[in-house]
Amino acid sequence: MKGRQSRYVTGGESFAEIARRPAGTVVILSLNTDLEDALREVSKSLKSAFCRCGRKCRLSAGTSEGPFSGRRQGVAPHLFVSVL
């Protein structure tokens, strides 16, 4: 991330930069699985960044193979951000 580092995400770019990406872009964030609430905290921060930009996104948790098809299918080491 440029600027501030998030302890919940390993590598990547800032949430504000993701919110400014063109529609149709999918960003895959690698979560810090050592922290229990990483998925929830990253989701809240991303939604807030998109709200400040007046945009929307769709979030899906999953593994490196892809997002889960339903809810609560195990530990999610990745978060897929679809810019709408």
N, C-alpha and C. Protein backbone atom coordinates (compact mmCIF):
# COMPACT_ATOMS: atom_id res chain seq x y z
N MET A 1 0.83 -1.18 0.00
CA MET A 1 0.00 0.00 0.00
C MET A 1 0.88 1.24 0.00
N LYS A 2 0.47 2.20 -0.73
CA LYS A 2 1.15 3.48 -0.69
C LYS A 2 0.60 4.25 0.50
N GLY A 3 1.45 5.00 1.15
CA GLY A 3 0.98 5.76 2.30
C GLY A 3 0.82 4.86 3.51
N ARG A 4 -0.37 4.77 4.04
CA ARG A 4 -0.61 4.00 5.25
C ARG A 4 -0.66 2.50 4.97
N GLN A 5 -0.10 1.74 5.87
CA GLN A 5 -0.14 0.29 5.77
C GLN A 5 -1.31 -0.23 6.61
N SER A 6 -1.99 -1.24 6.12
CA SER A 6 -3.06 -1.87 6.87
C SER A 6 -2.51 -3.16 7.46
N ARG A 7 -2.75 -3.37 8.72
CA ARG A 7 -2.27 -4.60 9.34
C ARG A 7 -3.13 -5.79 8.95
N TYR A 8 -4.26 -5.55 8.32
CA TYR A 8 -5.17 -6.62 7.93
C TYR A 8 -4.91 -7.16 6.53
N VAL A 9 -4.17 -6.41 5.71
CA VAL A 9 -3.89 -6.80 4.34
C VAL A 9 -2.39 -6.88 4.14
N THR A 10 -1.93 -7.93 3.47
CA THR A 10 -0.51 -8.03 3.18
C THR A 10 -0.27 -7.55 1.76
N GLY A 11 0.49 -6.47 1.61
CA GLY A 11 0.76 -5.90 0.29
C GLY A 11 -0.46 -5.20 -0.29
N GLY A 12 -0.36 -4.80 -1.55
CA GLY A 12 -1.50 -4.18 -2.21
C GLY A 12 -1.43 -2.67 -2.22
N GLU A 13 -2.56 -2.05 -2.54
CA GLU A 13 -2.64 -0.60 -2.60
C GLU A 13 -3.66 -0.09 -1.61
N SER A 14 -3.75 1.21 -1.47
CA SER A 14 -4.67 1.78 -0.49
C SER A 14 -6.11 1.55 -0.92
N PHE A 15 -6.99 1.56 0.06
CA PHE A 15 -8.41 1.36 -0.22
C PHE A 15 -8.97 2.49 -1.07
N ALA A 16 -8.49 3.71 -0.86
CA ALA A 16 -8.94 4.86 -1.67
C ALA A 16 -8.53 4.70 -3.13
N GLU A 17 -7.33 4.16 -3.37
CA GLU A 17 -6.89 3.92 -4.75
C GLU A 17 -7.75 2.84 -5.42
N ILE A 18 -8.11 1.82 -4.67
CA ILE A 18 -8.98 0.77 -5.21
C ILE A 18 -10.34 1.36 -5.57
N ALA A 19 -10.86 2.25 -4.72
CA ALA A 19 -12.17 2.87 -4.96
C ALA A 19 -12.17 3.74 -6.21
N ARG A 20 -11.01 4.22 -6.64
CA ARG A 20 -10.93 5.06 -7.84
C ARG A 20 -10.67 4.25 -9.11
N ARG A 21 -10.55 2.96 -9.00
CA ARG A 21 -10.32 2.12 -10.17
C ARG A 21 -11.53 2.15 -11.10
N PRO A 22 -11.33 1.85 -12.42
CA PRO A 22 -12.46 1.85 -13.35
C PRO A 22 -13.45 0.72 -13.06
N ALA A 23 -14.69 0.95 -13.41
CA ALA A 23 -15.74 -0.07 -13.23
C ALA A 23 -15.36 -1.34 -13.98
N GLY A 24 -15.69 -2.47 -13.39
CA GLY A 24 -15.38 -3.76 -14.00
C GLY A 24 -14.07 -4.36 -13.52
N THR A 25 -13.29 -3.58 -12.79
CA THR A 25 -12.01 -4.06 -12.27
C THR A 25 -12.25 -4.98 -11.08
N VAL A 26 -11.46 -6.05 -10.99
CA VAL A 26 -11.50 -6.94 -9.83
C VAL A 26 -10.12 -6.93 -9.19
N VAL A 27 -10.08 -6.60 -7.91
CA VAL A 27 -8.83 -6.55 -7.15
C VAL A 27 -8.87 -7.68 -6.13
N ILE A 28 -7.78 -8.43 -6.02
CA ILE A 28 -7.69 -9.52 -5.06
C ILE A 28 -6.74 -9.09 -3.95
N LEU A 29 -7.27 -9.04 -2.73
CA LEU A 29 -6.47 -8.66 -1.57
C LEU A 29 -6.15 -9.90 -0.76
N SER A 30 -4.91 -10.00 -0.33
CA SER A 30 -4.47 -11.11 0.51
C SER A 30 -4.58 -10.67 1.97
N LEU A 31 -5.43 -11.37 2.72
CA LEU A 31 -5.70 -10.99 4.11
C LEU A 31 -4.66 -11.57 5.06
N ASN A 32 -4.44 -10.88 6.15
CA ASN A 32 -3.56 -11.36 7.21
C ASN A 32 -4.38 -12.33 8.06
N THR A 33 -4.21 -13.63 7.83
CA THR A 33 -5.01 -14.64 8.51
C THR A 33 -4.63 -14.82 9.98
N ASP A 34 -3.55 -14.17 10.42
CA ASP A 34 -3.17 -14.23 11.83
C ASP A 34 -4.12 -13.40 12.69
N LEU A 35 -4.80 -12.45 12.08
CA LEU A 35 -5.75 -11.60 12.80
C LEU A 35 -7.17 -12.10 12.55
N GLU A 36 -7.86 -12.41 13.62
CA GLU A 36 -9.18 -13.04 13.55
C GLU A 36 -10.22 -12.23 12.78
N ASP A 37 -10.23 -10.92 12.96
CA ASP A 37 -11.27 -10.08 12.36
C ASP A 37 -10.81 -9.35 11.11
N ALA A 38 -9.78 -9.85 10.43
CA ALA A 38 -9.23 -9.17 9.25
C ALA A 38 -10.28 -9.00 8.16
N LEU A 39 -11.04 -10.03 7.86
CA LEU A 39 -12.05 -9.95 6.79
C LEU A 39 -13.08 -8.88 7.09
N ARG A 40 -13.57 -8.84 8.31
CA ARG A 40 -14.60 -7.86 8.69
C ARG A 40 -14.04 -6.44 8.63
N GLU A 41 -12.84 -6.22 9.16
CA GLU A 41 -12.26 -4.88 9.20
C GLU A 41 -11.92 -4.36 7.80
N VAL A 42 -11.38 -5.22 6.94
CA VAL A 42 -11.06 -4.81 5.57
C VAL A 42 -12.35 -4.49 4.82
N SER A 43 -13.38 -5.31 5.01
CA SER A 43 -14.66 -5.06 4.34
C SER A 43 -15.23 -3.70 4.73
N LYS A 44 -15.21 -3.39 6.02
CA LYS A 44 -15.73 -2.10 6.48
C LYS A 44 -14.92 -0.94 5.90
N SER A 45 -13.61 -1.08 5.89
CA SER A 45 -12.76 0.00 5.38
C SER A 45 -12.96 0.22 3.89
N LEU A 46 -13.10 -0.87 3.13
CA LEU A 46 -13.33 -0.75 1.69
C LEU A 46 -14.68 -0.10 1.40
N LYS A 47 -15.72 -0.53 2.09
CA LYS A 47 -17.05 0.05 1.88
C LYS A 47 -17.04 1.54 2.21
N SER A 48 -16.31 1.92 3.24
CA SER A 48 -16.20 3.32 3.61
C SER A 48 -15.48 4.12 2.52
N ALA A 49 -14.40 3.57 1.98
CA ALA A 49 -13.64 4.25 0.92
C ALA A 49 -14.50 4.43 -0.32
N PHE A 50 -15.27 3.43 -0.69
CA PHE A 50 -16.14 3.52 -1.85
C PHE A 50 -17.26 4.53 -1.60
N CYS A 51 -17.80 4.56 -0.41
CA CYS A 51 -18.86 5.50 -0.06
C CYS A 51 -18.36 6.94 -0.17
N ARG A 52 -17.14 7.19 0.31
CA ARG A 52 -16.57 8.54 0.22
C ARG A 52 -16.39 8.99 -1.22
N CYS A 53 -16.14 8.03 -2.13
CA CYS A 53 -15.97 8.36 -3.56
C CYS A 53 -17.31 8.37 -4.30
N GLY A 54 -18.38 8.00 -3.63
CA GLY A 54 -19.69 7.94 -4.27
C GLY A 54 -19.82 6.77 -5.24
N ARG A 55 -19.12 5.68 -4.94
CA ARG A 55 -19.13 4.51 -5.82
C ARG A 55 -19.55 3.28 -5.04
N LYS A 56 -19.70 2.16 -5.74
CA LYS A 56 -20.11 0.91 -5.10
C LYS A 56 -19.16 -0.21 -5.49
N CYS A 57 -19.17 -1.26 -4.65
CA CYS A 57 -18.35 -2.43 -4.93
C CYS A 57 -19.08 -3.68 -4.45
N ARG A 58 -18.62 -4.81 -4.92
CA ARG A 58 -19.13 -6.10 -4.46
C ARG A 58 -17.94 -6.85 -3.88
N LEU A 59 -18.08 -7.35 -2.66
CA LEU A 59 -17.01 -8.05 -1.98
C LEU A 59 -17.33 -9.53 -1.89
N SER A 60 -16.32 -10.37 -2.15
CA SER A 60 -16.47 -11.82 -2.05
C SER A 60 -15.22 -12.39 -1.40
N ALA A 61 -15.42 -13.21 -0.38
CA ALA A 61 -14.30 -13.87 0.28
C ALA A 61 -14.01 -15.17 -0.45
N GLY A 62 -12.75 -15.61 -0.37
CA GLY A 62 -12.42 -16.87 -1.03
C GLY A 62 -10.97 -17.26 -0.84
N THR A 63 -10.54 -18.18 -1.69
CA THR A 63 -9.16 -18.66 -1.67
C THR A 63 -8.47 -18.20 -2.95
N SER A 64 -7.24 -18.59 -3.13
CA SER A 64 -6.51 -18.17 -4.33
C SER A 64 -7.12 -18.75 -5.60
N GLU A 65 -7.90 -19.82 -5.49
CA GLU A 65 -8.57 -20.40 -6.66
C GLU A 65 -9.78 -19.59 -7.11
N GLY A 66 -10.36 -18.81 -6.20
CA GLY A 66 -11.50 -17.99 -6.56
C GLY A 66 -12.40 -17.73 -5.36
N PRO A 67 -13.43 -16.91 -5.55
CA PRO A 67 -14.34 -16.60 -4.44
C PRO A 67 -15.23 -17.78 -4.09
N PHE A 68 -15.68 -17.81 -2.85
CA PHE A 68 -16.62 -18.83 -2.41
C PHE A 68 -17.96 -18.60 -3.10
N SER A 69 -18.70 -19.68 -3.36
CA SER A 69 -20.00 -19.54 -4.02
C SER A 69 -21.11 -19.20 -3.04
N GLY A 70 -20.91 -19.45 -1.77
CA GLY A 70 -21.91 -19.13 -0.74
C GLY A 70 -21.25 -18.53 0.47
N ARG A 71 -22.01 -18.42 1.52
CA ARG A 71 -21.48 -17.83 2.75
C ARG A 71 -20.88 -18.89 3.64
N ARG A 72 -19.89 -18.49 4.41
CA ARG A 72 -19.29 -19.32 5.46
C ARG A 72 -18.85 -20.69 4.96
N GLN A 73 -17.93 -20.68 4.02
CA GLN A 73 -17.41 -21.93 3.48
C GLN A 73 -15.99 -22.21 3.95
N GLY A 74 -15.59 -21.65 5.06
CA GLY A 74 -14.25 -21.89 5.57
C GLY A 74 -13.49 -20.59 5.77
N VAL A 75 -12.22 -20.75 6.09
CA VAL A 75 -11.35 -19.59 6.31
C VAL A 75 -11.03 -18.95 4.96
N ALA A 76 -11.20 -17.66 4.89
CA ALA A 76 -10.98 -16.94 3.63
C ALA A 76 -9.68 -16.15 3.70
N PRO A 77 -8.63 -16.59 3.02
CA PRO A 77 -7.38 -15.83 3.03
C PRO A 77 -7.35 -14.70 2.01
N HIS A 78 -8.37 -14.60 1.14
CA HIS A 78 -8.41 -13.55 0.12
C HIS A 78 -9.77 -12.87 0.10
N LEU A 79 -9.75 -11.61 -0.33
CA LEU A 79 -10.97 -10.84 -0.52
C LEU A 79 -10.96 -10.31 -1.96
N PHE A 80 -12.02 -10.61 -2.68
CA PHE A 80 -12.17 -10.17 -4.07
C PHE A 80 -13.06 -8.93 -4.07
N VAL A 81 -12.55 -7.84 -4.65
CA VAL A 81 -13.26 -6.56 -4.70
C VAL A 81 -13.62 -6.29 -6.16
N SER A 82 -14.90 -6.32 -6.47
CA SER A 82 -15.38 -5.99 -7.81
C SER A 82 -15.88 -4.56 -7.81
N VAL A 83 -15.26 -3.71 -8.60
CA VAL A 83 -15.64 -2.31 -8.68
C VAL A 83 -16.85 -2.20 -9.61
N LEU A 84 -17.92 -1.60 -9.10
CA LEU A 84 -19.17 -1.46 -9.89
C LEU A 84 -19.28 -0.06 -10.47
